[in-house]
Amino acid sequence: MRKTIIISSLLLLFYSFIDNKQKEITDDSQNKVGFSKEETMELNSVTINNSEQENLISIETISKLKFNDKECIEDFDSFFEVFSIDSIFQKKWILFPLKTSYYGGEYYEDLKIEYIDSTSYKFRDFSKDKYAMNQNDKYSVHIEKQGSIVNYRLLGYDNDISINYVFKQINNCWFLVFIEDSGL
């Protein structure tokens, strides 16, 4: 009987410790990206699979997006043409917080993952990419379409540029869901 009480007490203490650690992690992520606990808790569940990365997006977050199906451009090429040059349109079709990854640290050996919120996001003019081979930092553009996922890759020529913008079609609408910078 005494053993049972001691074991039960230890298990209760252990689970209480784990629950507190999970709350600390949620609180930390809330403070880093400026979301309430409720919004932070929503960012889990649906996994977007791609051979090079995974990006977690919750069904609740997607369902709370405020857009009309009539606003969607179903064809990726047509969508990207507008997304490339229109800052308001671009910001509207990004799932925030936007997951980004890059290599950092003293010797660029550590993979860093950050989340950009809508207030920190800076517009990127993709229309200039067609002139990239005429610039000092030359790079080429490679677009890989894999069903509902499109990888828009920038690969450097004699430099370390290697950036992948991942777009995902959700409810017939295209969204930028992940940016992976694997260059050094």
C-alpha atoms as a PDB file:
ATOM      1  CA  MET A   1       0.000   0.000   0.000  1.00  0.00           C
ATOM      2  CA  ARG A   2       2.782   2.387   0.946  1.00  0.00           C
ATOM      3  CA  LYS A   3       4.669   1.576  -2.301  1.00  0.00           C
ATOM      4  CA  THR A   4       1.555   2.341  -4.332  1.00  0.00           C
ATOM      5  CA  ILE A   5       1.151   5.760  -2.683  1.00  0.00           C
ATOM      6  CA  ILE A   6       4.826   6.617  -3.242  1.00  0.00           C
ATOM      7  CA  ILE A   7       4.745   5.507  -6.904  1.00  0.00           C
ATOM      8  CA  SER A   8       1.502   7.396  -7.498  1.00  0.00           C
ATOM      9  CA  SER A   9       2.984  10.531  -5.922  1.00  0.00           C
ATOM     10  CA  LEU A  10       6.123  10.288  -8.039  1.00  0.00           C
ATOM     11  CA  LEU A  11       4.103   9.821 -11.243  1.00  0.00           C
ATOM     12  CA  LEU A  12       1.901  12.795 -10.362  1.00  0.00           C
ATOM     13  CA  LEU A  13       4.989  14.923  -9.691  1.00  0.00           C
ATOM     14  CA  PHE A  14       6.600  13.775 -12.952  1.00  0.00           C
ATOM     15  CA  TYR A  15       3.509  14.580 -15.088  1.00  0.00           C
ATOM     16  CA  SER A  16       3.136  17.924 -13.363  1.00  0.00           C
ATOM     17  CA  PHE A  17       6.757  18.744 -14.247  1.00  0.00           C
ATOM     18  CA  ILE A  18       6.217  17.797 -17.925  1.00  0.00           C
ATOM     19  CA  ASP A  19       3.017  19.875 -18.111  1.00  0.00           C
ATOM     20  CA  ASN A  20       4.858  22.922 -16.716  1.00  0.00           C
ATOM     21  CA  LYS A  21       7.682  22.484 -19.261  1.00  0.00           C
ATOM     22  CA  GLN A  22       5.160  22.374 -22.118  1.00  0.00           C
ATOM     23  CA  LYS A  23       3.560  25.599 -20.835  1.00  0.00           C
ATOM     24  CA  GLU A  24       7.000  27.262 -20.713  1.00  0.00           C
ATOM     25  CA  ILE A  25       7.676  26.264 -24.330  1.00  0.00           C
ATOM     26  CA  THR A  26       4.301  27.698 -25.408  1.00  0.00           C
ATOM     27  CA  ASP A  27       4.988  30.899 -23.446  1.00  0.00           C
ATOM     28  CA  ASP A  28       8.450  31.221 -25.029  1.00  0.00           C
ATOM     29  CA  SER A  29       7.114  30.810 -28.551  1.00  0.00           C
ATOM     30  CA  GLN A  30       4.352  33.313 -27.771  1.00  0.00           C
ATOM     31  CA  ASN A  31       6.885  35.917 -26.681  1.00  0.00           C
ATOM     32  CA  LYS A  32       9.149  35.400 -29.693  1.00  0.00           C
ATOM     33  CA  VAL A  33       6.516  35.901 -32.365  1.00  0.00           C
ATOM     34  CA  GLY A  34       3.971  38.022 -30.485  1.00  0.00           C
ATOM     35  CA  PHE A  35       0.957  35.699 -30.467  1.00  0.00           C
ATOM     36  CA  SER A  36      -1.508  34.997 -27.710  1.00  0.00           C
ATOM     37  CA  LYS A  37      -1.510  31.552 -26.112  1.00  0.00           C
ATOM     38  CA  GLU A  38      -4.650  30.609 -28.042  1.00  0.00           C
ATOM     39  CA  GLU A  39      -3.100  31.537 -31.399  1.00  0.00           C
ATOM     40  CA  THR A  40       0.153  29.768 -30.559  1.00  0.00           C
ATOM     41  CA  MET A  41      -1.703  26.600 -29.517  1.00  0.00           C
ATOM     42  CA  GLU A  42      -3.442  26.575 -32.927  1.00  0.00           C
ATOM     43  CA  LEU A  43      -0.163  26.219 -34.810  1.00  0.00           C
ATOM     44  CA  ASN A  44       0.081  22.444 -34.758  1.00  0.00           C
ATOM     45  CA  SER A  45      -1.424  19.404 -36.470  1.00  0.00           C
ATOM     46  CA  VAL A  46      -1.565  19.363 -40.317  1.00  0.00           C
ATOM     47  CA  THR A  47       1.793  18.498 -41.856  1.00  0.00           C
ATOM     48  CA  ILE A  48       2.765  19.613 -45.343  1.00  0.00           C
ATOM     49  CA  ASN A  49       5.120  16.985 -46.687  1.00  0.00           C
ATOM     50  CA  ASN A  50       7.903  17.867 -49.074  1.00  0.00           C
ATOM     51  CA  SER A  51      11.052  15.884 -49.663  1.00  0.00           C
ATOM     52  CA  GLU A  52      13.208  18.636 -48.139  1.00  0.00           C
ATOM     53  CA  GLN A  53      11.132  20.108 -45.329  1.00  0.00           C
ATOM     54  CA  GLU A  54       7.995  19.936 -43.274  1.00  0.00           C
ATOM     55  CA  ASN A  55       5.910  22.912 -42.264  1.00  0.00           C
ATOM     56  CA  LEU A  56       3.239  22.621 -39.613  1.00  0.00           C
ATOM     57  CA  ILE A  57      -0.016  24.409 -40.368  1.00  0.00           C
ATOM     58  CA  SER A  58      -3.160  23.860 -38.372  1.00  0.00           C
ATOM     59  CA  ILE A  59      -6.579  23.331 -39.853  1.00  0.00           C
ATOM     60  CA  GLU A  60      -7.902  25.955 -37.439  1.00  0.00           C
ATOM     61  CA  THR A  61      -5.441  28.576 -38.672  1.00  0.00           C
ATOM     62  CA  ILE A  62      -6.317  27.880 -42.309  1.00  0.00           C
ATOM     63  CA  SER A  63     -10.051  28.005 -41.617  1.00  0.00           C
ATOM     64  CA  LYS A  64      -9.661  31.391 -39.889  1.00  0.00           C
ATOM     65  CA  LEU A  65      -8.011  32.947 -42.915  1.00  0.00           C
ATOM     66  CA  LYS A  66     -10.197  35.719 -44.230  1.00  0.00           C
ATOM     67  CA  PHE A  67     -10.457  35.296 -47.952  1.00  0.00           C
ATOM     68  CA  ASN A  68     -13.095  34.636 -50.515  1.00  0.00           C
ATOM     69  CA  ASP A  69     -12.725  31.765 -52.981  1.00  0.00           C
ATOM     70  CA  LYS A  70     -13.358  34.329 -55.715  1.00  0.00           C
ATOM     71  CA  GLU A  71     -10.106  36.074 -54.698  1.00  0.00           C
ATOM     72  CA  CYS A  72      -8.056  32.914 -55.310  1.00  0.00           C
ATOM     73  CA  ILE A  73      -6.012  32.430 -58.427  1.00  0.00           C
ATOM     74  CA  GLU A  74      -5.924  28.663 -58.932  1.00  0.00           C
ATOM     75  CA  ASP A  75      -3.236  28.588 -61.625  1.00  0.00           C
ATOM     76  CA  PHE A  76       0.177  28.936 -59.970  1.00  0.00           C
ATOM     77  CA  ASP A  77       1.817  30.823 -62.841  1.00  0.00           C
ATOM     78  CA  SER A  78      -0.967  33.433 -62.890  1.00  0.00           C
ATOM     79  CA  PHE A  79      -0.892  33.653 -59.091  1.00  0.00           C
ATOM     80  CA  PHE A  80       2.890  34.066 -59.008  1.00  0.00           C
ATOM     81  CA  GLU A  81       2.825  36.803 -61.633  1.00  0.00           C
ATOM     82  CA  VAL A  82       0.727  38.982 -59.288  1.00  0.00           C
ATOM     83  CA  PHE A  83       2.462  37.721 -56.105  1.00  0.00           C
ATOM     84  CA  SER A  84       5.832  38.787 -57.541  1.00  0.00           C
ATOM     85  CA  ILE A  85       5.046  42.482 -57.926  1.00  0.00           C
ATOM     86  CA  ASP A  86       2.129  43.407 -55.643  1.00  0.00           C
ATOM     87  CA  SER A  87       3.144  43.922 -51.998  1.00  0.00           C
ATOM     88  CA  ILE A  88      -0.417  43.907 -50.632  1.00  0.00           C
ATOM     89  CA  PHE A  89      -1.352  40.773 -52.577  1.00  0.00           C
ATOM     90  CA  GLN A  90       1.907  39.106 -51.523  1.00  0.00           C
ATOM     91  CA  LYS A  91       1.350  39.713 -47.823  1.00  0.00           C
ATOM     92  CA  LYS A  92      -2.239  38.458 -48.060  1.00  0.00           C
ATOM     93  CA  TRP A  93      -1.173  35.082 -49.498  1.00  0.00           C
ATOM     94  CA  ILE A  94       1.468  34.188 -46.921  1.00  0.00           C
ATOM     95  CA  LEU A  95       0.646  31.952 -43.983  1.00  0.00           C
ATOM     96  CA  PHE A  96       1.901  33.786 -40.914  1.00  0.00           C
ATOM     97  CA  PRO A  97       3.844  33.133 -38.850  1.00  0.00           C
ATOM     98  CA  LEU A  98       6.047  32.263 -41.815  1.00  0.00           C
ATOM     99  CA  LYS A  99       8.563  29.541 -40.996  1.00  0.00           C
ATOM    100  CA  THR A 100      12.090  30.276 -42.230  1.00  0.00           C
ATOM    101  CA  SER A 101      15.287  28.307 -41.855  1.00  0.00           C
ATOM    102  CA  TYR A 102      18.918  29.202 -42.495  1.00  0.00           C
ATOM    103  CA  TYR A 103      22.394  28.189 -41.388  1.00  0.00           C
ATOM    104  CA  GLY A 104      24.010  30.354 -38.726  1.00  0.00           C
ATOM    105  CA  GLY A 105      26.371  30.149 -35.817  1.00  0.00           C
ATOM    106  CA  GLU A 106      30.068  30.917 -35.764  1.00  0.00           C
ATOM    107  CA  TYR A 107      30.872  28.638 -38.705  1.00  0.00           C
ATOM    108  CA  TYR A 108      27.373  28.494 -40.251  1.00  0.00           C
ATOM    109  CA  GLU A 109      26.979  24.927 -39.045  1.00  0.00           C
ATOM    110  CA  ASP A 110      23.798  25.389 -37.007  1.00  0.00           C
ATOM    111  CA  LEU A 111      20.372  25.206 -38.635  1.00  0.00           C
ATOM    112  CA  LYS A 112      18.340  28.130 -37.296  1.00  0.00           C
ATOM    113  CA  ILE A 113      14.548  28.221 -37.510  1.00  0.00           C
ATOM    114  CA  GLU A 114      12.600  31.433 -37.085  1.00  0.00           C
ATOM    115  CA  TYR A 115       9.021  32.521 -37.533  1.00  0.00           C
ATOM    116  CA  ILE A 116       8.254  35.859 -39.160  1.00  0.00           C
ATOM    117  CA  ASP A 117       4.997  37.565 -38.238  1.00  0.00           C
ATOM    118  CA  SER A 118       3.071  39.790 -40.634  1.00  0.00           C
ATOM    119  CA  THR A 119       4.421  43.019 -39.117  1.00  0.00           C
ATOM    120  CA  SER A 120       8.063  41.950 -39.606  1.00  0.00           C
ATOM    121  CA  TYR A 121       7.693  40.614 -43.136  1.00  0.00           C
ATOM    122  CA  LYS A 122       9.422  42.612 -45.883  1.00  0.00           C
ATOM    123  CA  PHE A 123       8.142  42.572 -49.461  1.00  0.00           C
ATOM    124  CA  ARG A 124      10.309  40.709 -51.971  1.00  0.00           C
ATOM    125  CA  ASP A 125      10.052  41.648 -55.647  1.00  0.00           C
ATOM    126  CA  PHE A 126      10.347  38.306 -57.445  1.00  0.00           C
ATOM    127  CA  SER A 127      10.005  39.972 -60.866  1.00  0.00           C
ATOM    128  CA  LYS A 128      13.686  41.000 -60.671  1.00  0.00           C
ATOM    129  CA  ASP A 129      14.795  37.354 -60.631  1.00  0.00           C
ATOM    130  CA  LYS A 130      14.695  37.191 -64.435  1.00  0.00           C
ATOM    131  CA  TYR A 131      17.636  39.648 -64.481  1.00  0.00           C
ATOM    132  CA  ALA A 132      19.654  37.762 -61.853  1.00  0.00           C
ATOM    133  CA  MET A 133      22.321  36.477 -64.247  1.00  0.00           C
ATOM    134  CA  ASN A 134      23.185  40.121 -65.119  1.00  0.00           C
ATOM    135  CA  GLN A 135      23.910  41.050 -61.493  1.00  0.00           C
ATOM    136  CA  ASN A 136      27.055  40.663 -59.362  1.00  0.00           C
ATOM    137  CA  ASP A 137      25.461  37.871 -57.299  1.00  0.00           C
ATOM    138  CA  LYS A 138      24.322  35.700 -60.179  1.00  0.00           C
ATOM    139  CA  TYR A 139      21.702  33.042 -59.652  1.00  0.00           C
ATOM    140  CA  SER A 140      19.214  31.026 -61.644  1.00  0.00           C
ATOM    141  CA  VAL A 141      15.579  30.269 -60.912  1.00  0.00           C
ATOM    142  CA  HIS A 142      14.223  26.718 -60.880  1.00  0.00           C
ATOM    143  CA  ILE A 143      10.531  26.018 -60.411  1.00  0.00           C
ATOM    144  CA  GLU A 144       9.515  22.509 -59.368  1.00  0.00           C
ATOM    145  CA  LYS A 145       5.810  21.694 -59.329  1.00  0.00           C
ATOM    146  CA  GLN A 146       4.776  18.663 -57.277  1.00  0.00           C
ATOM    147  CA  GLY A 147       0.971  18.583 -57.234  1.00  0.00           C
ATOM    148  CA  SER A 148      -0.203  21.076 -54.632  1.00  0.00           C
ATOM    149  CA  ILE A 149       3.365  22.132 -53.720  1.00  0.00           C
ATOM    150  CA  VAL A 150       5.638  24.385 -55.754  1.00  0.00           C
ATOM    151  CA  ASN A 151       9.305  24.947 -54.935  1.00  0.00           C
ATOM    152  CA  TYR A 152      10.648  28.230 -56.269  1.00  0.00           C
ATOM    153  CA  ARG A 153      14.439  27.835 -55.972  1.00  0.00           C
ATOM    154  CA  LEU A 154      17.206  30.381 -56.375  1.00  0.00           C
ATOM    155  CA  LEU A 155      20.538  28.674 -57.060  1.00  0.00           C
ATOM    156  CA  GLY A 156      23.708  30.747 -57.164  1.00  0.00           C
ATOM    157  CA  TYR A 157      26.303  30.736 -59.886  1.00  0.00           C
ATOM    158  CA  ASP A 158      29.809  30.837 -58.312  1.00  0.00           C
ATOM    159  CA  ASN A 159      28.318  31.943 -54.987  1.00  0.00           C
ATOM    160  CA  ASP A 160      26.482  30.400 -52.038  1.00  0.00           C
ATOM    161  CA  ILE A 161      22.951  31.476 -52.920  1.00  0.00           C
ATOM    162  CA  SER A 162      20.512  28.620 -52.338  1.00  0.00           C
ATOM    163  CA  ILE A 163      17.021  29.695 -51.299  1.00  0.00           C
ATOM    164  CA  ASN A 164      13.818  27.701 -51.626  1.00  0.00           C
ATOM    165  CA  TYR A 165      10.394  29.367 -51.386  1.00  0.00           C
ATOM    166  CA  VAL A 166       7.717  26.730 -50.795  1.00  0.00           C
ATOM    167  CA  PHE A 167       4.175  27.443 -51.970  1.00  0.00           C
ATOM    168  CA  LYS A 168       1.228  25.239 -51.060  1.00  0.00           C
ATOM    169  CA  GLN A 169      -2.225  25.174 -52.592  1.00  0.00           C
ATOM    170  CA  ILE A 170      -4.826  25.129 -49.825  1.00  0.00           C
ATOM    171  CA  ASN A 171      -8.550  25.173 -50.640  1.00  0.00           C
ATOM    172  CA  ASN A 172      -7.672  26.062 -54.268  1.00  0.00           C
ATOM    173  CA  CYS A 173      -5.638  29.093 -53.137  1.00  0.00           C
ATOM    174  CA  TRP A 174      -1.847  29.408 -53.243  1.00  0.00           C
ATOM    175  CA  PHE A 175       0.119  30.435 -50.146  1.00  0.00           C
ATOM    176  CA  LEU A 176       3.795  30.937 -49.364  1.00  0.00           C
ATOM    177  CA  VAL A 177       4.295  28.579 -46.399  1.00  0.00           C
ATOM    178  CA  PHE A 178       8.055  28.205 -45.890  1.00  0.00           C
ATOM    179  CA  ILE A 179      11.406  29.774 -46.830  1.00  0.00           C
ATOM    180  CA  GLU A 180      14.547  27.643 -46.637  1.00  0.00           C
ATOM    181  CA  ASP A 181      17.910  29.354 -47.082  1.00  0.00           C
ATOM    182  CA  SER A 182      20.527  26.605 -47.293  1.00  0.00           C
ATOM    183  CA  GLY A 183      23.311  28.827 -48.604  1.00  0.00           C
ATOM    184  CA  LEU A 184      26.307  29.810 -46.518  1.00  0.00           C
END
